[in-house]
Amino acid sequence: MVALTAEELLVWAEKTAAGWRVLVEQQPEILELPCDVRETQSVAGLLQHVVAVELRYAERLSDLPETPYADIPMGSGGEIFATHDRAMGLLKKLLEVPRADWEEEIEFTTRSAGKLCASRRAVFIHLLMHGIRHYAQLATLVREHGIRPGWQMDYLGIWMKQA
């Protein structure tokens, strides 16, 4: 049994991001809430961090030049999630074309940890799980400000049906 496929993880990440996209569109003031996760100042900064990681790692996996972090917009929910859409588009293209070796190691430089090396598979999994982790932190933060996200965020929640 394969516990989790890349495609299933991508679906979870997409559904989670879609929920946040709708909530931010409905309540754009969320972007201004204070937030200190990953040294950010606001929810907009945290969401920029999430989509920047998605895009920059998707670009690395696609053998494309990395977008400079400073060039990744965070002025509105639309801008933030447009970056997410770009990243997911790159990932979907990667999954459409069979790659000979997902275990191939790639070398890259990060903003916080310097020069690293990891398998393409590990990078792919990291970029999706990274967002899921930060979205969970964000859920706690917005609830503390009286905002209740209205969708199931757990992995099981995207697959379960009423019996």
C-alpha atoms as a PDB file:
ATOM      1  CA  MET A   1       0.000   0.000   0.000  1.00  0.00           C
ATOM      2  CA  VAL A   2       1.262   3.421  -0.879  1.00  0.00           C
ATOM      3  CA  ALA A   3       0.312   5.542   2.101  1.00  0.00           C
ATOM      4  CA  LEU A   4       0.050   8.836   0.243  1.00  0.00           C
ATOM      5  CA  THR A   5       0.654   9.672  -3.379  1.00  0.00           C
ATOM      6  CA  ALA A   6       2.035  12.952  -4.637  1.00  0.00           C
ATOM      7  CA  GLU A   7      -1.280  13.585  -6.370  1.00  0.00           C
ATOM      8  CA  GLU A   8      -3.257  13.041  -3.142  1.00  0.00           C
ATOM      9  CA  LEU A   9      -0.983  15.368  -1.209  1.00  0.00           C
ATOM     10  CA  LEU A  10      -1.371  17.964  -3.954  1.00  0.00           C
ATOM     11  CA  VAL A  11      -5.186  17.687  -3.676  1.00  0.00           C
ATOM     12  CA  TRP A  12      -4.997  18.263   0.093  1.00  0.00           C
ATOM     13  CA  ALA A  13      -2.745  21.290  -0.335  1.00  0.00           C
ATOM     14  CA  GLU A  14      -5.007  22.706  -3.052  1.00  0.00           C
ATOM     15  CA  LYS A  15      -8.203  22.257  -1.027  1.00  0.00           C
ATOM     16  CA  THR A  16      -6.600  23.800   2.031  1.00  0.00           C
ATOM     17  CA  ALA A  17      -5.353  26.801   0.058  1.00  0.00           C
ATOM     18  CA  ALA A  18      -8.771  27.162  -1.602  1.00  0.00           C
ATOM     19  CA  GLY A  19     -10.418  27.472   1.803  1.00  0.00           C
ATOM     20  CA  TRP A  20      -7.991  30.195   2.835  1.00  0.00           C
ATOM     21  CA  ARG A  21      -8.422  31.983  -0.494  1.00  0.00           C
ATOM     22  CA  VAL A  22     -12.197  32.190   0.053  1.00  0.00           C
ATOM     23  CA  LEU A  23     -11.859  33.285   3.680  1.00  0.00           C
ATOM     24  CA  VAL A  24      -9.344  36.020   2.784  1.00  0.00           C
ATOM     25  CA  GLU A  25     -11.589  37.197  -0.084  1.00  0.00           C
ATOM     26  CA  GLN A  26     -14.571  37.373   2.288  1.00  0.00           C
ATOM     27  CA  GLN A  27     -12.608  38.973   5.123  1.00  0.00           C
ATOM     28  CA  PRO A  28      -9.563  40.776   3.685  1.00  0.00           C
ATOM     29  CA  GLU A  29      -8.860  42.343   7.078  1.00  0.00           C
ATOM     30  CA  ILE A  30      -7.392  38.961   8.021  1.00  0.00           C
ATOM     31  CA  LEU A  31      -4.260  39.944   6.081  1.00  0.00           C
ATOM     32  CA  GLU A  32      -3.564  42.733   8.573  1.00  0.00           C
ATOM     33  CA  LEU A  33      -3.774  40.574  11.705  1.00  0.00           C
ATOM     34  CA  PRO A  34      -0.485  40.524  13.612  1.00  0.00           C
ATOM     35  CA  CYS A  35       1.519  37.334  13.206  1.00  0.00           C
ATOM     36  CA  ASP A  36       4.984  36.367  14.388  1.00  0.00           C
ATOM     37  CA  VAL A  37       5.283  32.959  12.711  1.00  0.00           C
ATOM     38  CA  ARG A  38       8.625  32.778  10.851  1.00  0.00           C
ATOM     39  CA  GLU A  39       9.429  36.338  11.893  1.00  0.00           C
ATOM     40  CA  THR A  40       6.510  37.726   9.890  1.00  0.00           C
ATOM     41  CA  GLN A  41       4.627  40.815  10.994  1.00  0.00           C
ATOM     42  CA  SER A  42       1.171  39.990   9.648  1.00  0.00           C
ATOM     43  CA  VAL A  43      -0.961  37.222   8.200  1.00  0.00           C
ATOM     44  CA  ALA A  44      -0.156  38.676   4.758  1.00  0.00           C
ATOM     45  CA  GLY A  45       3.524  38.092   5.517  1.00  0.00           C
ATOM     46  CA  LEU A  46       2.893  34.491   6.583  1.00  0.00           C
ATOM     47  CA  LEU A  47       0.839  33.782   3.465  1.00  0.00           C
ATOM     48  CA  GLN A  48       3.561  35.363   1.325  1.00  0.00           C
ATOM     49  CA  HIS A  49       6.065  33.039   3.017  1.00  0.00           C
ATOM     50  CA  VAL A  50       3.876  29.990   2.276  1.00  0.00           C
ATOM     51  CA  VAL A  51       3.434  30.780  -1.410  1.00  0.00           C
ATOM     52  CA  ALA A  52       7.046  31.914  -1.813  1.00  0.00           C
ATOM     53  CA  VAL A  53       8.234  28.516  -0.603  1.00  0.00           C
ATOM     54  CA  GLU A  54       5.754  26.789  -2.916  1.00  0.00           C
ATOM     55  CA  LEU A  55       6.838  28.789  -5.945  1.00  0.00           C
ATOM     56  CA  ARG A  56      10.583  28.796  -5.347  1.00  0.00           C
ATOM     57  CA  TYR A  57      10.740  25.041  -4.712  1.00  0.00           C
ATOM     58  CA  ALA A  58       8.430  24.332  -7.672  1.00  0.00           C
ATOM     59  CA  GLU A  59      10.792  26.414  -9.811  1.00  0.00           C
ATOM     60  CA  ARG A  60      13.798  24.481  -8.462  1.00  0.00           C
ATOM     61  CA  LEU A  61      12.117  21.180  -9.305  1.00  0.00           C
ATOM     62  CA  SER A  62      11.266  22.490 -12.779  1.00  0.00           C
ATOM     63  CA  ASP A  63      14.865  23.606 -13.374  1.00  0.00           C
ATOM     64  CA  LEU A  64      13.699  27.212 -13.700  1.00  0.00           C
ATOM     65  CA  PRO A  65      15.306  30.329 -12.228  1.00  0.00           C
ATOM     66  CA  GLU A  66      13.944  31.093  -8.763  1.00  0.00           C
ATOM     67  CA  THR A  67      11.756  34.139  -8.343  1.00  0.00           C
ATOM     68  CA  PRO A  68      13.428  36.523  -5.901  1.00  0.00           C
ATOM     69  CA  TYR A  69      11.591  36.424  -2.585  1.00  0.00           C
ATOM     70  CA  ALA A  70      11.193  40.213  -2.621  1.00  0.00           C
ATOM     71  CA  ASP A  71       9.333  39.949  -5.952  1.00  0.00           C
ATOM     72  CA  ILE A  72       6.567  37.781  -4.501  1.00  0.00           C
ATOM     73  CA  PRO A  73       3.593  40.076  -3.824  1.00  0.00           C
ATOM     74  CA  MET A  74       1.488  40.161  -0.667  1.00  0.00           C
ATOM     75  CA  GLY A  75      -0.645  43.258  -1.138  1.00  0.00           C
ATOM     76  CA  SER A  76      -3.909  41.346  -1.489  1.00  0.00           C
ATOM     77  CA  GLY A  77      -5.314  37.861  -1.247  1.00  0.00           C
ATOM     78  CA  GLY A  78      -5.605  37.798  -5.029  1.00  0.00           C
ATOM     79  CA  GLU A  79      -1.907  38.507  -5.446  1.00  0.00           C
ATOM     80  CA  ILE A  80      -0.898  35.983  -2.814  1.00  0.00           C
ATOM     81  CA  PHE A  81      -3.001  33.158  -4.223  1.00  0.00           C
ATOM     82  CA  ALA A  82      -1.977  33.950  -7.815  1.00  0.00           C
ATOM     83  CA  THR A  83       1.541  32.980  -6.712  1.00  0.00           C
ATOM     84  CA  HIS A  84       0.132  29.768  -5.226  1.00  0.00           C
ATOM     85  CA  ASP A  85      -1.614  29.041  -8.541  1.00  0.00           C
ATOM     86  CA  ARG A  86       1.663  29.512 -10.441  1.00  0.00           C
ATOM     87  CA  ALA A  87       3.414  27.067  -8.146  1.00  0.00           C
ATOM     88  CA  MET A  88       0.669  24.443  -8.350  1.00  0.00           C
ATOM     89  CA  GLY A  89       0.683  24.718 -12.142  1.00  0.00           C
ATOM     90  CA  LEU A  90       4.394  23.916 -12.183  1.00  0.00           C
ATOM     91  CA  LEU A  91       3.905  20.943  -9.856  1.00  0.00           C
ATOM     92  CA  LYS A  92       1.059  19.517 -11.931  1.00  0.00           C
ATOM     93  CA  LYS A  93       3.239  19.710 -15.046  1.00  0.00           C
ATOM     94  CA  LEU A  94       6.001  17.833 -13.215  1.00  0.00           C
ATOM     95  CA  LEU A  95       3.588  15.048 -12.292  1.00  0.00           C
ATOM     96  CA  GLU A  96       2.279  14.763 -15.873  1.00  0.00           C
ATOM     97  CA  VAL A  97       5.709  13.904 -17.249  1.00  0.00           C
ATOM     98  CA  PRO A  98       7.279  10.815 -15.737  1.00  0.00           C
ATOM     99  CA  ARG A  99      10.574  11.799 -14.173  1.00  0.00           C
ATOM    100  CA  ALA A 100      13.179   9.092 -14.372  1.00  0.00           C
ATOM    101  CA  ASP A 101      14.484   9.668 -10.885  1.00  0.00           C
ATOM    102  CA  TRP A 102      12.576  11.426  -8.088  1.00  0.00           C
ATOM    103  CA  GLU A 103      15.434  10.330  -5.817  1.00  0.00           C
ATOM    104  CA  GLU A 104      17.899  12.486  -7.774  1.00  0.00           C
ATOM    105  CA  GLU A 105      19.442  15.007  -5.423  1.00  0.00           C
ATOM    106  CA  ILE A 106      19.373  18.672  -6.259  1.00  0.00           C
ATOM    107  CA  GLU A 107      21.394  21.450  -4.695  1.00  0.00           C
ATOM    108  CA  PHE A 108      19.827  24.784  -3.778  1.00  0.00           C
ATOM    109  CA  THR A 109      20.304  27.760  -1.503  1.00  0.00           C
ATOM    110  CA  THR A 110      17.672  28.711   1.061  1.00  0.00           C
ATOM    111  CA  ARG A 111      17.160  32.018   2.832  1.00  0.00           C
ATOM    112  CA  SER A 112      17.451  30.541   6.327  1.00  0.00           C
ATOM    113  CA  ALA A 113      19.606  27.406   6.098  1.00  0.00           C
ATOM    114  CA  GLY A 114      22.079  28.245   3.345  1.00  0.00           C
ATOM    115  CA  LYS A 115      23.142  25.718   0.710  1.00  0.00           C
ATOM    116  CA  LEU A 116      21.350  22.363   0.936  1.00  0.00           C
ATOM    117  CA  CYS A 117      20.970  19.153  -1.025  1.00  0.00           C
ATOM    118  CA  ALA A 118      17.888  16.893  -1.055  1.00  0.00           C
ATOM    119  CA  SER A 119      16.073  14.481  -3.336  1.00  0.00           C
ATOM    120  CA  ARG A 120      13.485  15.861  -5.721  1.00  0.00           C
ATOM    121  CA  ARG A 121      10.893  13.733  -3.892  1.00  0.00           C
ATOM    122  CA  ALA A 122      11.808  15.252  -0.513  1.00  0.00           C
ATOM    123  CA  VAL A 123      11.627  18.771  -1.942  1.00  0.00           C
ATOM    124  CA  PHE A 124       8.209  18.072  -3.490  1.00  0.00           C
ATOM    125  CA  ILE A 125       6.822  16.663  -0.233  1.00  0.00           C
ATOM    126  CA  HIS A 126       8.371  19.483   1.806  1.00  0.00           C
ATOM    127  CA  LEU A 127       6.887  22.274  -0.255  1.00  0.00           C
ATOM    128  CA  LEU A 128       3.361  20.883   0.163  1.00  0.00           C
ATOM    129  CA  MET A 129       3.628  19.870   3.839  1.00  0.00           C
ATOM    130  CA  HIS A 130       5.241  23.215   4.659  1.00  0.00           C
ATOM    131  CA  GLY A 131       2.076  25.036   3.586  1.00  0.00           C
ATOM    132  CA  ILE A 132      -0.199  22.607   5.427  1.00  0.00           C
ATOM    133  CA  ARG A 133       1.787  23.193   8.630  1.00  0.00           C
ATOM    134  CA  HIS A 134       1.610  26.975   8.363  1.00  0.00           C
ATOM    135  CA  TYR A 135      -2.096  26.907   7.453  1.00  0.00           C
ATOM    136  CA  ALA A 136      -2.700  24.992  10.707  1.00  0.00           C
ATOM    137  CA  GLN A 137      -0.854  27.723  12.622  1.00  0.00           C
ATOM    138  CA  LEU A 138      -2.920  30.312  10.781  1.00  0.00           C
ATOM    139  CA  ALA A 139      -6.166  28.562  11.751  1.00  0.00           C
ATOM    140  CA  THR A 140      -5.283  28.949  15.426  1.00  0.00           C
ATOM    141  CA  LEU A 141      -4.304  32.580  14.947  1.00  0.00           C
ATOM    142  CA  VAL A 142      -7.524  33.640  13.196  1.00  0.00           C
ATOM    143  CA  ARG A 143      -9.677  31.750  15.716  1.00  0.00           C
ATOM    144  CA  GLU A 144      -7.944  33.734  18.474  1.00  0.00           C
ATOM    145  CA  HIS A 145      -9.217  36.853  16.676  1.00  0.00           C
ATOM    146  CA  GLY A 146     -12.799  35.560  16.542  1.00  0.00           C
ATOM    147  CA  ILE A 147     -12.715  34.294  12.951  1.00  0.00           C
ATOM    148  CA  ARG A 148     -13.746  30.689  12.385  1.00  0.00           C
ATOM    149  CA  PRO A 149     -12.612  29.022   9.177  1.00  0.00           C
ATOM    150  CA  GLY A 150     -15.665  27.088   8.014  1.00  0.00           C
ATOM    151  CA  TRP A 151     -14.207  24.037   6.319  1.00  0.00           C
ATOM    152  CA  GLN A 152     -12.612  20.726   7.233  1.00  0.00           C
ATOM    153  CA  MET A 153      -8.819  21.064   7.053  1.00  0.00           C
ATOM    154  CA  ASP A 154      -7.807  17.564   8.112  1.00  0.00           C
ATOM    155  CA  TYR A 155      -6.597  15.186   5.428  1.00  0.00           C
ATOM    156  CA  LEU A 156      -9.515  12.844   6.099  1.00  0.00           C
ATOM    157  CA  GLY A 157     -11.892  15.767   5.674  1.00  0.00           C
ATOM    158  CA  ILE A 158     -11.217  16.045   1.959  1.00  0.00           C
ATOM    159  CA  TRP A 159     -12.100  12.393   1.336  1.00  0.00           C
ATOM    160  CA  MET A 160     -14.871  11.562   3.805  1.00  0.00           C
ATOM    161  CA  LYS A 161     -18.565  11.387   2.948  1.00  0.00           C
ATOM    162  CA  GLN A 162     -21.673  11.141   5.075  1.00  0.00           C
ATOM    163  CA  ALA A 163     -22.591   7.510   5.776  1.00  0.00           C
END
